[in-house]
Each structure stands twice: as structure tokens, then as C-alpha cells.
Amino acid sequence: MKKDVVLNVELPGVRLFKKGKVRDVFDLDDKLLLVATDRISAFDCVLPNGIPSKGKVLTMLSSFWFDFTSDIVPNHIISTDADSFPAPLKEHTDLLAKRSMLVKKSEAIEIECVVRGYLSGSGWKEYKESGEVCGIKLPAGLKESSKLTEPIFTPAIKAKTGHDENISEKKMIDLIGEQTGRAIKEKSLAIYKQASDYADSKGIIIADTKFEFGKVGNEIILIDEILTPDSSRFWPKDKYSPGKSQPSFDKQFVRDYLLTLDWDKTPPAPKLPADVIRKTSAKYLEAYTMITGRKKL
């Protein structure tokens, strides 16, 4: 691939706060800097190849959605303009441009706020076994990828293995309290409704998505990323057909390729061929363009 791919971010003199599968987070005392690399993970393993433009898509799409939903809930963004970042970051402007967000520090609420408008993934698996998802009874006879009558809120927590573990709303309230629990449920459903209606008008179905919230003082704010192909299932509306898995705007090409290999899904992960990298990059960019209407990042 001729395009530059950013796999690791080093900012001399700036303290690394946390290194995730995709994001490197830096501590600027009263603020954080979130930098989305082009790393990609599958089956909980970070792959050796990066996906061109992926980090920029995640950042710029999140920025679009944070602005779009700011009437529902405030968020952690201070700026996505690398030219305006604090002095220690000035010499890294080219690296940080369009792939980084300067954000408020907050106390994370340790709940993955999942909203499902369609029956897919772990929700479909749970429904097949019990007719329920996270303790919510659903009608009999639903198919894989069926649209639900109303979106449902299905919280999760991070398990020790790294996989998210679905929990009931009651367990969530036991963990974080009723007032906070009710608030993040209400905000999650409102964001999903507003965003999915908009995306539908652009030809994309948001099948499900995940939000994260934090607190600054007593105020609940939206943090992390929002409504990206990494945190959501985006399906092309014109190809939607319930009763099976759907084509999607994410790392589907990566997963499909890895499933053809004799690989036990433990590190080290195998390298990706050029055509899988190219197709995956194109899908991320296509989702960005369809949603924002912008031809370029």
C-alpha cells in the first residue's frame, strides 16, 4: 500500500496514559489526547498490518456524530484541530492531524451501553438459546438480522478475557446505581434513534452500536468514540435481507479472510494480503462518505 499507515504513536515528552487495540491515549495533565492509529484487531488480536485511513475515519466520523448528538448529551471533545493543540504537540501536527481528539478528562462509567435495533451478533446467539437478550423477552419466530419492534438497551461489562459480557439492566443498576443507570439508558436510546434515522436517510442501517459515558463532576458526558464501523454494525440498506448475516461497512473482509486460515486465533496474528487491506480501507471510507456527505477526509 502506498499510503502511509500509522501503527504506533510516539510523542516524546508527552506521557502515555493507555495503549488500546486501536487508540493510544496521552495524558496532558487536565486533558487527554486520543490518537486513533490504523491498527486493526480481530478475534481480540491486533493484526500486524494496518488499514490505510482507518484511524482518520474513526476520528472524523466520531467528531461528526459527537456534534450531531450534542443536543442530547454533552461530550468530551475539546478540539479535533491539531493546529490548535497545546504547545507540546505542535511539532507532531502532521502526525496528529485528523486522527486525534483533545478531550476532557472524566471518570469513566464502567458500562458498555449497547443499543440494538436489529437481532445480530451475541444478541442473536442469546435469542436462539433463550428467546431473550440481556433478560429482555423478545417475540418468538425472529430471524437473524430481524428488525426489532423497538430498539433495546442491552448493557455489557468488560470481562477479564477482553470480551464484553452481556448483563441485565438490573445488574447494571446494582453496579452503578439507579440514577446513573437510568440516565445512560435514556441517553443511549435517544442517541441511537436520532442517529439511526439520519443514517437510514443516507442508505445505512445502524443495526447496533455501543456507547461509553463518563462523569465530569456530576455531569454525565459521552466519551470514547461514537457510531463508527468499529463500535457499530453498519449495513447497506439496499442489500438488507433478514434471515442471514448481512454485508457490512467494517472489518468483514478481515474476518472472512482469517476464517479461511489454519490459525488458532491467538497471537501472533497472521499478515493480511494487499487486497484484503484495500477492500477494508475502502469500506471504512465508503461509510464515512455516505454518512457525512464529504468526499475526502
C-alpha atoms as a PDB file:
ATOM      1  CA  MET A   1       0.000   0.000   0.000  1.00  0.00           C
ATOM      2  CA  LYS A   2       1.442   3.357  -0.964  1.00  0.00           C
ATOM      3  CA  LYS A   3      -0.498   5.350   1.611  1.00  0.00           C
ATOM      4  CA  ASP A   4       1.109   5.972   4.960  1.00  0.00           C
ATOM      5  CA  VAL A   5      -0.124   3.728   7.732  1.00  0.00           C
ATOM      6  CA  VAL A   6       0.299   4.730  11.373  1.00  0.00           C
ATOM      7  CA  LEU A   7       0.660   1.710  13.640  1.00  0.00           C
ATOM      8  CA  ASN A   8       2.309   3.273  16.682  1.00  0.00           C
ATOM      9  CA  VAL A   9       2.373   6.807  18.002  1.00  0.00           C
ATOM     10  CA  GLU A  10       5.306   8.183  19.950  1.00  0.00           C
ATOM     11  CA  LEU A  11       5.168  11.717  21.318  1.00  0.00           C
ATOM     12  CA  PRO A  12       8.467  12.396  23.122  1.00  0.00           C
ATOM     13  CA  GLY A  13       7.910  14.340  26.327  1.00  0.00           C
ATOM     14  CA  VAL A  14       4.188  13.511  26.452  1.00  0.00           C
ATOM     15  CA  ARG A  15       3.131  10.814  28.913  1.00  0.00           C
ATOM     16  CA  LEU A  16       1.404   7.727  27.505  1.00  0.00           C
ATOM     17  CA  PHE A  17      -1.744   7.126  29.552  1.00  0.00           C
ATOM     18  CA  LYS A  18      -3.067   3.968  27.913  1.00  0.00           C
ATOM     19  CA  LYS A  19      -2.475   1.883  24.802  1.00  0.00           C
ATOM     20  CA  GLY A  20      -5.578   0.170  23.445  1.00  0.00           C
ATOM     21  CA  LYS A  21      -6.066  -2.106  20.469  1.00  0.00           C
ATOM     22  CA  VAL A  22      -6.580   0.880  18.176  1.00  0.00           C
ATOM     23  CA  ARG A  23      -6.081   4.075  20.220  1.00  0.00           C
ATOM     24  CA  ASP A  24      -3.075   5.476  22.013  1.00  0.00           C
ATOM     25  CA  VAL A  25      -4.104   7.831  24.814  1.00  0.00           C
ATOM     26  CA  PHE A  26      -1.761  10.502  26.163  1.00  0.00           C
ATOM     27  CA  ASP A  27      -2.002  12.415  29.453  1.00  0.00           C
ATOM     28  CA  LEU A  28      -1.840  16.225  29.231  1.00  0.00           C
ATOM     29  CA  ASP A  29      -2.480  16.813  32.950  1.00  0.00           C
ATOM     30  CA  ASP A  30      -6.001  18.274  32.855  1.00  0.00           C
ATOM     31  CA  LYS A  31      -6.816  16.806  29.419  1.00  0.00           C
ATOM     32  CA  LEU A  32      -6.289  13.650  27.385  1.00  0.00           C
ATOM     33  CA  LEU A  33      -5.210  13.215  23.781  1.00  0.00           C
ATOM     34  CA  LEU A  34      -6.847  10.299  21.965  1.00  0.00           C
ATOM     35  CA  VAL A  35      -4.958   9.201  18.848  1.00  0.00           C
ATOM     36  CA  ALA A  36      -6.594   6.658  16.550  1.00  0.00           C
ATOM     37  CA  THR A  37      -3.943   4.568  14.816  1.00  0.00           C
ATOM     38  CA  ASP A  38      -4.532   2.432  11.729  1.00  0.00           C
ATOM     39  CA  ARG A  39      -4.230  -0.759  13.781  1.00  0.00           C
ATOM     40  CA  ILE A  40      -6.978  -3.320  13.337  1.00  0.00           C
ATOM     41  CA  SER A  41      -7.948  -6.190  15.591  1.00  0.00           C
ATOM     42  CA  ALA A  42      -9.926  -9.352  15.015  1.00  0.00           C
ATOM     43  CA  PHE A  43     -10.764 -12.135  17.442  1.00  0.00           C
ATOM     44  CA  ASP A  44      -9.162  -9.999  20.180  1.00  0.00           C
ATOM     45  CA  CYS A  45      -5.789  -9.988  18.393  1.00  0.00           C
ATOM     46  CA  VAL A  46      -4.124  -6.921  16.914  1.00  0.00           C
ATOM     47  CA  LEU A  47      -3.007  -7.733  13.375  1.00  0.00           C
ATOM     48  CA  PRO A  48       0.473  -6.857  12.071  1.00  0.00           C
ATOM     49  CA  ASN A  49      -0.890  -4.829   9.139  1.00  0.00           C
ATOM     50  CA  GLY A  50      -2.635  -1.503   9.409  1.00  0.00           C
ATOM     51  CA  ILE A  51      -5.584  -0.313   7.342  1.00  0.00           C
ATOM     52  CA  PRO A  52      -4.895   2.943   5.443  1.00  0.00           C
ATOM     53  CA  SER A  53      -7.076   5.879   6.586  1.00  0.00           C
ATOM     54  CA  LYS A  54      -8.815   3.813   9.282  1.00  0.00           C
ATOM     55  CA  GLY A  55      -7.699   5.984  12.205  1.00  0.00           C
ATOM     56  CA  LYS A  56      -8.736   9.149  10.390  1.00  0.00           C
ATOM     57  CA  VAL A  57     -12.150   7.678   9.556  1.00  0.00           C
ATOM     58  CA  LEU A  58     -12.731   6.714  13.195  1.00  0.00           C
ATOM     59  CA  THR A  59     -11.756  10.168  14.443  1.00  0.00           C
ATOM     60  CA  MET A  60     -13.523  12.302  11.851  1.00  0.00           C
ATOM     61  CA  LEU A  61     -16.687  10.170  11.896  1.00  0.00           C
ATOM     62  CA  SER A  62     -16.772  10.306  15.705  1.00  0.00           C
ATOM     63  CA  SER A  63     -16.336  14.080  15.504  1.00  0.00           C
ATOM     64  CA  PHE A  64     -19.286  14.306  13.107  1.00  0.00           C
ATOM     65  CA  TRP A  65     -21.532  12.234  15.380  1.00  0.00           C
ATOM     66  CA  PHE A  66     -20.445  13.983  18.598  1.00  0.00           C
ATOM     67  CA  ASP A  67     -21.544  17.253  17.033  1.00  0.00           C
ATOM     68  CA  PHE A  68     -24.742  15.699  15.629  1.00  0.00           C
ATOM     69  CA  THR A  69     -25.832  14.367  19.038  1.00  0.00           C
ATOM     70  CA  SER A  70     -24.665  17.243  21.229  1.00  0.00           C
ATOM     71  CA  ASP A  71     -28.279  18.354  21.721  1.00  0.00           C
ATOM     72  CA  ILE A  72     -28.949  15.049  23.527  1.00  0.00           C
ATOM     73  CA  VAL A  73     -25.868  14.783  25.721  1.00  0.00           C
ATOM     74  CA  PRO A  74     -22.629  16.786  26.082  1.00  0.00           C
ATOM     75  CA  ASN A  75     -19.422  15.004  25.085  1.00  0.00           C
ATOM     76  CA  HIS A  76     -15.742  15.037  25.920  1.00  0.00           C
ATOM     77  CA  ILE A  77     -14.389  16.749  22.797  1.00  0.00           C
ATOM     78  CA  ILE A  78     -12.400  19.945  23.265  1.00  0.00           C
ATOM     79  CA  SER A  79     -10.892  20.047  19.764  1.00  0.00           C
ATOM     80  CA  THR A  80     -10.068  17.890  16.748  1.00  0.00           C
ATOM     81  CA  ASP A  81      -7.985  20.642  15.138  1.00  0.00           C
ATOM     82  CA  ALA A  82      -4.362  19.579  15.572  1.00  0.00           C
ATOM     83  CA  ASP A  83      -3.207  23.119  14.757  1.00  0.00           C
ATOM     84  CA  SER A  84      -4.860  24.333  17.962  1.00  0.00           C
ATOM     85  CA  PHE A  85      -3.409  21.656  20.267  1.00  0.00           C
ATOM     86  CA  PRO A  86      -1.187  22.642  23.232  1.00  0.00           C
ATOM     87  CA  ALA A  87       2.489  23.522  22.759  1.00  0.00           C
ATOM     88  CA  PRO A  88       3.997  20.060  23.500  1.00  0.00           C
ATOM     89  CA  LEU A  89       2.084  18.696  20.483  1.00  0.00           C
ATOM     90  CA  LYS A  90       2.948  21.406  17.937  1.00  0.00           C
ATOM     91  CA  GLU A  91       5.846  19.540  16.357  1.00  0.00           C
ATOM     92  CA  HIS A  92       3.595  16.499  15.803  1.00  0.00           C
ATOM     93  CA  THR A  93       0.801  18.279  13.945  1.00  0.00           C
ATOM     94  CA  ASP A  94       1.253  16.320  10.701  1.00  0.00           C
ATOM     95  CA  LEU A  95       1.072  13.007  12.536  1.00  0.00           C
ATOM     96  CA  LEU A  96      -1.931  14.011  14.665  1.00  0.00           C
ATOM     97  CA  ALA A  97      -3.993  15.768  12.001  1.00  0.00           C
ATOM     98  CA  LYS A  98      -7.459  14.224  11.537  1.00  0.00           C
ATOM     99  CA  ARG A  99      -6.650  11.199  13.695  1.00  0.00           C
ATOM    100  CA  SER A 100      -6.639  12.758  17.168  1.00  0.00           C
ATOM    101  CA  MET A 101      -9.020  14.378  19.626  1.00  0.00           C
ATOM    102  CA  LEU A 102      -8.170  16.591  22.566  1.00  0.00           C
ATOM    103  CA  VAL A 103     -10.736  15.654  25.219  1.00  0.00           C
ATOM    104  CA  LYS A 104     -11.844  16.380  28.768  1.00  0.00           C
ATOM    105  CA  LYS A 105     -10.750  14.021  31.491  1.00  0.00           C
ATOM    106  CA  SER A 106     -13.666  12.210  33.055  1.00  0.00           C
ATOM    107  CA  GLU A 107     -14.420   9.405  35.467  1.00  0.00           C
ATOM    108  CA  ALA A 108     -15.474   6.520  33.225  1.00  0.00           C
ATOM    109  CA  ILE A 109     -18.768   4.768  33.939  1.00  0.00           C
ATOM    110  CA  GLU A 110     -17.749   1.126  33.585  1.00  0.00           C
ATOM    111  CA  ILE A 111     -20.684   0.020  31.447  1.00  0.00           C
ATOM    112  CA  GLU A 112     -20.753  -0.712  27.724  1.00  0.00           C
ATOM    113  CA  CYS A 113     -24.052   0.859  26.614  1.00  0.00           C
ATOM    114  CA  VAL A 114     -25.219  -1.330  23.736  1.00  0.00           C
ATOM    115  CA  VAL A 115     -28.342  -0.445  21.767  1.00  0.00           C
ATOM    116  CA  ARG A 116     -29.761  -2.976  19.314  1.00  0.00           C
ATOM    117  CA  GLY A 117     -32.278  -2.156  16.608  1.00  0.00           C
ATOM    118  CA  TYR A 118     -31.733  -5.479  14.855  1.00  0.00           C
ATOM    119  CA  LEU A 119     -31.020  -9.005  16.046  1.00  0.00           C
ATOM    120  CA  SER A 120     -27.406  -9.870  15.281  1.00  0.00           C
ATOM    121  CA  GLY A 121     -24.129 -10.975  16.853  1.00  0.00           C
ATOM    122  CA  SER A 122     -24.228 -12.024  20.503  1.00  0.00           C
ATOM    123  CA  GLY A 123     -27.841 -10.852  20.697  1.00  0.00           C
ATOM    124  CA  TRP A 124     -28.877 -13.331  18.005  1.00  0.00           C
ATOM    125  CA  LYS A 125     -26.915 -16.099  19.731  1.00  0.00           C
ATOM    126  CA  GLU A 126     -28.582 -15.369  23.078  1.00  0.00           C
ATOM    127  CA  TYR A 127     -32.044 -15.148  21.493  1.00  0.00           C
ATOM    128  CA  LYS A 128     -31.640 -18.570  19.844  1.00  0.00           C
ATOM    129  CA  GLU A 129     -30.807 -20.100  23.218  1.00  0.00           C
ATOM    130  CA  SER A 130     -33.393 -18.394  25.438  1.00  0.00           C
ATOM    131  CA  GLY A 131     -35.721 -16.152  23.440  1.00  0.00           C
ATOM    132  CA  GLU A 132     -34.235 -13.231  25.389  1.00  0.00           C
ATOM    133  CA  VAL A 133     -31.421 -10.709  25.093  1.00  0.00           C
ATOM    134  CA  CYS A 134     -29.952  -9.459  28.377  1.00  0.00           C
ATOM    135  CA  GLY A 135     -33.114 -10.501  30.206  1.00  0.00           C
ATOM    136  CA  ILE A 136     -35.432  -8.802  27.682  1.00  0.00           C
ATOM    137  CA  LYS A 137     -38.056 -11.210  26.333  1.00  0.00           C
ATOM    138  CA  LEU A 138     -38.453 -10.889  22.573  1.00  0.00           C
ATOM    139  CA  PRO A 139     -41.234 -12.187  20.301  1.00  0.00           C
ATOM    140  CA  ALA A 140     -40.952 -15.777  19.062  1.00  0.00           C
ATOM    141  CA  GLY A 141     -40.041 -16.503  15.461  1.00  0.00           C
ATOM    142  CA  LEU A 142     -37.485 -13.771  14.845  1.00  0.00           C
ATOM    143  CA  LYS A 143     -34.759 -14.451  12.298  1.00  0.00           C
ATOM    144  CA  GLU A 144     -31.114 -13.485  12.250  1.00  0.00           C
ATOM    145  CA  SER A 145     -30.884  -9.761  11.381  1.00  0.00           C
ATOM    146  CA  SER A 146     -34.612  -9.200  12.046  1.00  0.00           C
ATOM    147  CA  LYS A 147     -35.570  -5.611  12.794  1.00  0.00           C
ATOM    148  CA  LEU A 148     -36.879  -5.246  16.347  1.00  0.00           C
ATOM    149  CA  THR A 149     -40.199  -3.523  17.016  1.00  0.00           C
ATOM    150  CA  GLU A 150     -38.351  -1.022  19.208  1.00  0.00           C
ATOM    151  CA  PRO A 151     -34.610  -0.652  19.853  1.00  0.00           C
ATOM    152  CA  ILE A 152     -33.495  -2.337  23.074  1.00  0.00           C
ATOM    153  CA  PHE A 153     -30.836  -1.316  25.582  1.00  0.00           C
ATOM    154  CA  THR A 154     -28.576  -4.258  26.443  1.00  0.00           C
ATOM    155  CA  PRO A 155     -25.704  -3.261  28.736  1.00  0.00           C
ATOM    156  CA  ALA A 156     -22.425  -5.123  28.970  1.00  0.00           C
ATOM    157  CA  ILE A 157     -19.278  -5.090  31.056  1.00  0.00           C
ATOM    158  CA  LYS A 158     -15.690  -5.835  30.170  1.00  0.00           C
ATOM    159  CA  ALA A 159     -14.869  -9.397  31.185  1.00  0.00           C
ATOM    160  CA  LYS A 160     -11.345 -10.441  32.155  1.00  0.00           C
ATOM    161  CA  THR A 161     -10.823 -12.169  28.811  1.00  0.00           C
ATOM    162  CA  GLY A 162     -11.340  -8.905  26.938  1.00  0.00           C
ATOM    163  CA  HIS A 163     -14.726  -9.941  25.535  1.00  0.00           C
ATOM    164  CA  ASP A 164     -17.758  -7.929  26.595  1.00  0.00           C
ATOM    165  CA  GLU A 165     -20.160  -9.805  28.858  1.00  0.00           C
ATOM    166  CA  ASN A 166     -23.864  -9.062  28.412  1.00  0.00           C
ATOM    167  CA  ILE A 167     -25.643  -8.240  31.672  1.00  0.00           C
ATOM    168  CA  SER A 168     -29.218  -7.421  32.690  1.00  0.00           C
ATOM    169  CA  GLU A 169     -30.398  -3.894  33.343  1.00  0.00           C
ATOM    170  CA  LYS A 170     -30.925  -4.901  36.984  1.00  0.00           C
ATOM    171  CA  LYS A 171     -27.289  -5.949  37.313  1.00  0.00           C
ATOM    172  CA  MET A 172     -26.178  -2.684  35.720  1.00  0.00           C
ATOM    173  CA  ILE A 173     -28.176  -0.713  38.297  1.00  0.00           C
ATOM    174  CA  ASP A 174     -26.688  -2.831  41.074  1.00  0.00           C
ATOM    175  CA  LEU A 175     -23.226  -1.885  39.789  1.00  0.00           C
ATOM    176  CA  ILE A 176     -23.595   1.856  39.146  1.00  0.00           C
ATOM    177  CA  GLY A 177     -26.802   2.950  40.877  1.00  0.00           C
ATOM    178  CA  GLU A 178     -30.314   3.593  39.639  1.00  0.00           C
ATOM    179  CA  GLN A 179     -29.998   7.282  38.820  1.00  0.00           C
ATOM    180  CA  THR A 180     -26.879   6.869  36.681  1.00  0.00           C
ATOM    181  CA  GLY A 181     -28.178   3.646  35.133  1.00  0.00           C
ATOM    182  CA  ARG A 182     -31.492   5.184  34.076  1.00  0.00           C
ATOM    183  CA  ALA A 183     -29.732   8.256  32.699  1.00  0.00           C
ATOM    184  CA  ILE A 184     -27.288   6.394  30.455  1.00  0.00           C
ATOM    185  CA  LYS A 185     -30.051   4.090  29.198  1.00  0.00           C
ATOM    186  CA  GLU A 186     -32.253   7.045  28.264  1.00  0.00           C
ATOM    187  CA  LYS A 187     -29.394   8.905  26.582  1.00  0.00           C
ATOM    188  CA  SER A 188     -28.207   5.797  24.688  1.00  0.00           C
ATOM    189  CA  LEU A 189     -31.651   5.096  23.233  1.00  0.00           C
ATOM    190  CA  ALA A 190     -32.129   8.757  22.269  1.00  0.00           C
ATOM    191  CA  ILE A 191     -28.756   8.923  20.510  1.00  0.00           C
ATOM    192  CA  TYR A 192     -29.438   5.680  18.649  1.00  0.00           C
ATOM    193  CA  LYS A 193     -32.867   6.851  17.491  1.00  0.00           C
ATOM    194  CA  GLN A 194     -31.611  10.191  16.200  1.00  0.00           C
ATOM    195  CA  ALA A 195     -28.503   8.724  14.553  1.00  0.00           C
ATOM    196  CA  SER A 196     -30.198   5.679  13.014  1.00  0.00           C
ATOM    197  CA  ASP A 197     -32.966   7.800  11.483  1.00  0.00           C
ATOM    198  CA  TYR A 198     -30.329  10.039   9.930  1.00  0.00           C
ATOM    199  CA  ALA A 199     -28.157   7.130   8.714  1.00  0.00           C
ATOM    200  CA  ASP A 200     -31.207   5.441   7.203  1.00  0.00           C
ATOM    201  CA  SER A 201     -31.779   8.544   5.074  1.00  0.00           C
ATOM    202  CA  LYS A 202     -28.206   8.110   3.796  1.00  0.00           C
ATOM    203  CA  GLY A 203     -28.615   4.430   2.898  1.00  0.00           C
ATOM    204  CA  ILE A 204     -27.059   2.884   6.011  1.00  0.00           C
ATOM    205  CA  ILE A 205     -28.745   0.740   8.654  1.00  0.00           C
ATOM    206  CA  ILE A 206     -27.197   1.028  12.112  1.00  0.00           C
ATOM    207  CA  ALA A 207     -28.019  -2.467  13.339  1.00  0.00           C
ATOM    208  CA  ASP A 208     -26.494  -1.960  16.759  1.00  0.00           C
ATOM    209  CA  THR A 209     -23.900   0.207  18.436  1.00  0.00           C
ATOM    210  CA  LYS A 210     -22.041   0.805  21.674  1.00  0.00           C
ATOM    211  CA  PHE A 211     -21.644   3.989  23.689  1.00  0.00           C
ATOM    212  CA  GLU A 212     -19.463   4.835  26.655  1.00  0.00           C
ATOM    213  CA  PHE A 213     -20.125   7.548  29.210  1.00  0.00           C
ATOM    214  CA  GLY A 214     -18.143   9.318  31.891  1.00  0.00           C
ATOM    215  CA  LYS A 215     -18.717  11.896  34.588  1.00  0.00           C
ATOM    216  CA  VAL A 216     -17.187  15.336  34.997  1.00  0.00           C
ATOM    217  CA  GLY A 217     -18.322  16.291  38.472  1.00  0.00           C
ATOM    218  CA  ASN A 218     -21.996  15.332  38.495  1.00  0.00           C
ATOM    219  CA  GLU A 219     -22.458  15.778  34.752  1.00  0.00           C
ATOM    220  CA  ILE A 220     -22.722  12.713  32.519  1.00  0.00           C
ATOM    221  CA  ILE A 221     -20.897  13.099  29.196  1.00  0.00           C
ATOM    222  CA  LEU A 222     -20.365  10.912  26.148  1.00  0.00           C
ATOM    223  CA  ILE A 223     -16.765   9.685  25.787  1.00  0.00           C
ATOM    224  CA  ASP A 224     -14.513   7.409  23.699  1.00  0.00           C
ATOM    225  CA  GLU A 225     -15.688   7.006  20.085  1.00  0.00           C
ATOM    226  CA  ILE A 226     -19.236   7.071  18.757  1.00  0.00           C
ATOM    227  CA  LEU A 227     -21.048   5.422  15.857  1.00  0.00           C
ATOM    228  CA  THR A 228     -18.033   4.209  13.898  1.00  0.00           C
ATOM    229  CA  PRO A 229     -17.609   0.940  11.986  1.00  0.00           C
ATOM    230  CA  ASP A 230     -15.509  -0.267  14.943  1.00  0.00           C
ATOM    231  CA  SER A 231     -18.219   0.363  17.553  1.00  0.00           C
ATOM    232  CA  SER A 232     -21.292  -0.359  15.422  1.00  0.00           C
ATOM    233  CA  ARG A 233     -22.750  -2.653  12.805  1.00  0.00           C
ATOM    234  CA  PHE A 234     -23.379  -0.596   9.670  1.00  0.00           C
ATOM    235  CA  TRP A 235     -25.320  -2.417   6.945  1.00  0.00           C
ATOM    236  CA  PRO A 236     -26.040  -1.169   3.413  1.00  0.00           C
ATOM    237  CA  LYS A 237     -29.785  -0.527   3.334  1.00  0.00           C
ATOM    238  CA  ASP A 238     -30.163  -1.605  -0.294  1.00  0.00           C
ATOM    239  CA  LYS A 239     -28.741  -5.067   0.448  1.00  0.00           C
ATOM    240  CA  TYR A 240     -30.664  -5.752   3.671  1.00  0.00           C
ATOM    241  CA  SER A 241     -32.295  -9.192   3.729  1.00  0.00           C
ATOM    242  CA  PRO A 242     -33.275 -10.740   7.096  1.00  0.00           C
ATOM    243  CA  GLY A 243     -32.684 -14.415   7.817  1.00  0.00           C
ATOM    244  CA  LYS A 244     -28.909 -14.350   7.440  1.00  0.00           C
ATOM    245  CA  SER A 245     -25.847 -12.266   8.327  1.00  0.00           C
ATOM    246  CA  GLN A 246     -25.577  -9.001   6.394  1.00  0.00           C
ATOM    247  CA  PRO A 247     -22.771  -7.363   4.421  1.00  0.00           C
ATOM    248  CA  SER A 248     -21.322  -4.541   6.490  1.00  0.00           C
ATOM    249  CA  PHE A 249     -19.061  -1.486   6.457  1.00  0.00           C
ATOM    250  CA  ASP A 250     -16.355  -2.769   8.773  1.00  0.00           C
ATOM    251  CA  LYS A 251     -13.647  -5.400   9.076  1.00  0.00           C
ATOM    252  CA  GLN A 252     -15.763  -8.104   7.461  1.00  0.00           C
ATOM    253  CA  PHE A 253     -13.129  -8.752   4.790  1.00  0.00           C
ATOM    254  CA  VAL A 254     -10.525  -9.235   7.517  1.00  0.00           C
ATOM    255  CA  ARG A 255     -12.652 -11.698   9.495  1.00  0.00           C
ATOM    256  CA  ASP A 256     -13.654 -13.616   6.361  1.00  0.00           C
ATOM    257  CA  TYR A 257     -10.027 -13.976   5.315  1.00  0.00           C
ATOM    258  CA  LEU A 258      -8.836 -15.057   8.767  1.00  0.00           C
ATOM    259  CA  LEU A 259     -11.533 -17.728   8.945  1.00  0.00           C
ATOM    260  CA  THR A 260     -10.059 -19.375   5.837  1.00  0.00           C
ATOM    261  CA  LEU A 261      -6.711 -19.864   7.601  1.00  0.00           C
ATOM    262  CA  ASP A 262      -5.432 -22.572   9.892  1.00  0.00           C
ATOM    263  CA  TRP A 263      -4.971 -20.070  12.722  1.00  0.00           C
ATOM    264  CA  ASP A 264      -5.969 -20.702  16.337  1.00  0.00           C
ATOM    265  CA  LYS A 265      -6.950 -17.043  16.968  1.00  0.00           C
ATOM    266  CA  THR A 266      -4.126 -16.450  19.426  1.00  0.00           C
ATOM    267  CA  PRO A 267      -1.135 -14.105  18.920  1.00  0.00           C
ATOM    268  CA  PRO A 268       0.817 -13.693  16.786  1.00  0.00           C
ATOM    269  CA  ALA A 269      -1.840 -12.909  14.201  1.00  0.00           C
ATOM    270  CA  PRO A 270      -1.117 -13.551  10.516  1.00  0.00           C
ATOM    271  CA  LYS A 271      -0.350 -10.834   7.986  1.00  0.00           C
ATOM    272  CA  LEU A 272      -3.117  -9.655   5.681  1.00  0.00           C
ATOM    273  CA  PRO A 273      -2.841  -9.736   1.894  1.00  0.00           C
ATOM    274  CA  ALA A 274      -2.954  -6.453  -0.019  1.00  0.00           C
ATOM    275  CA  ASP A 275      -6.429  -6.976  -1.487  1.00  0.00           C
ATOM    276  CA  VAL A 276      -7.999  -7.566   1.955  1.00  0.00           C
ATOM    277  CA  ILE A 277      -6.316  -4.398   3.248  1.00  0.00           C
ATOM    278  CA  ARG A 278      -7.509  -2.411   0.224  1.00  0.00           C
ATOM    279  CA  LYS A 279     -11.115  -3.630   0.445  1.00  0.00           C
ATOM    280  CA  THR A 280     -11.301  -2.991   4.178  1.00  0.00           C
ATOM    281  CA  SER A 281      -9.947   0.540   3.810  1.00  0.00           C
ATOM    282  CA  ALA A 282     -12.454   1.210   1.034  1.00  0.00           C
ATOM    283  CA  LYS A 283     -15.375   0.088   3.227  1.00  0.00           C
ATOM    284  CA  TYR A 284     -14.386   2.408   6.080  1.00  0.00           C
ATOM    285  CA  LEU A 285     -14.053   5.323   3.659  1.00  0.00           C
ATOM    286  CA  GLU A 286     -17.353   4.484   1.956  1.00  0.00           C
ATOM    287  CA  ALA A 287     -19.193   4.563   5.289  1.00  0.00           C
ATOM    288  CA  TYR A 288     -17.598   7.915   6.131  1.00  0.00           C
ATOM    289  CA  THR A 289     -18.599   9.441   2.791  1.00  0.00           C
ATOM    290  CA  MET A 290     -22.178   8.131   2.868  1.00  0.00           C
ATOM    291  CA  ILE A 291     -22.805   9.398   6.392  1.00  0.00           C
ATOM    292  CA  THR A 292     -21.058  12.772   6.261  1.00  0.00           C
ATOM    293  CA  GLY A 293     -21.512  13.588   2.584  1.00  0.00           C
ATOM    294  CA  ARG A 294     -17.834  14.510   2.451  1.00  0.00           C
ATOM    295  CA  LYS A 295     -15.810  13.085  -0.414  1.00  0.00           C
ATOM    296  CA  LYS A 296     -12.475  13.384   1.409  1.00  0.00           C
ATOM    297  CA  LEU A 297     -11.284  13.092   4.979  1.00  0.00           C
END
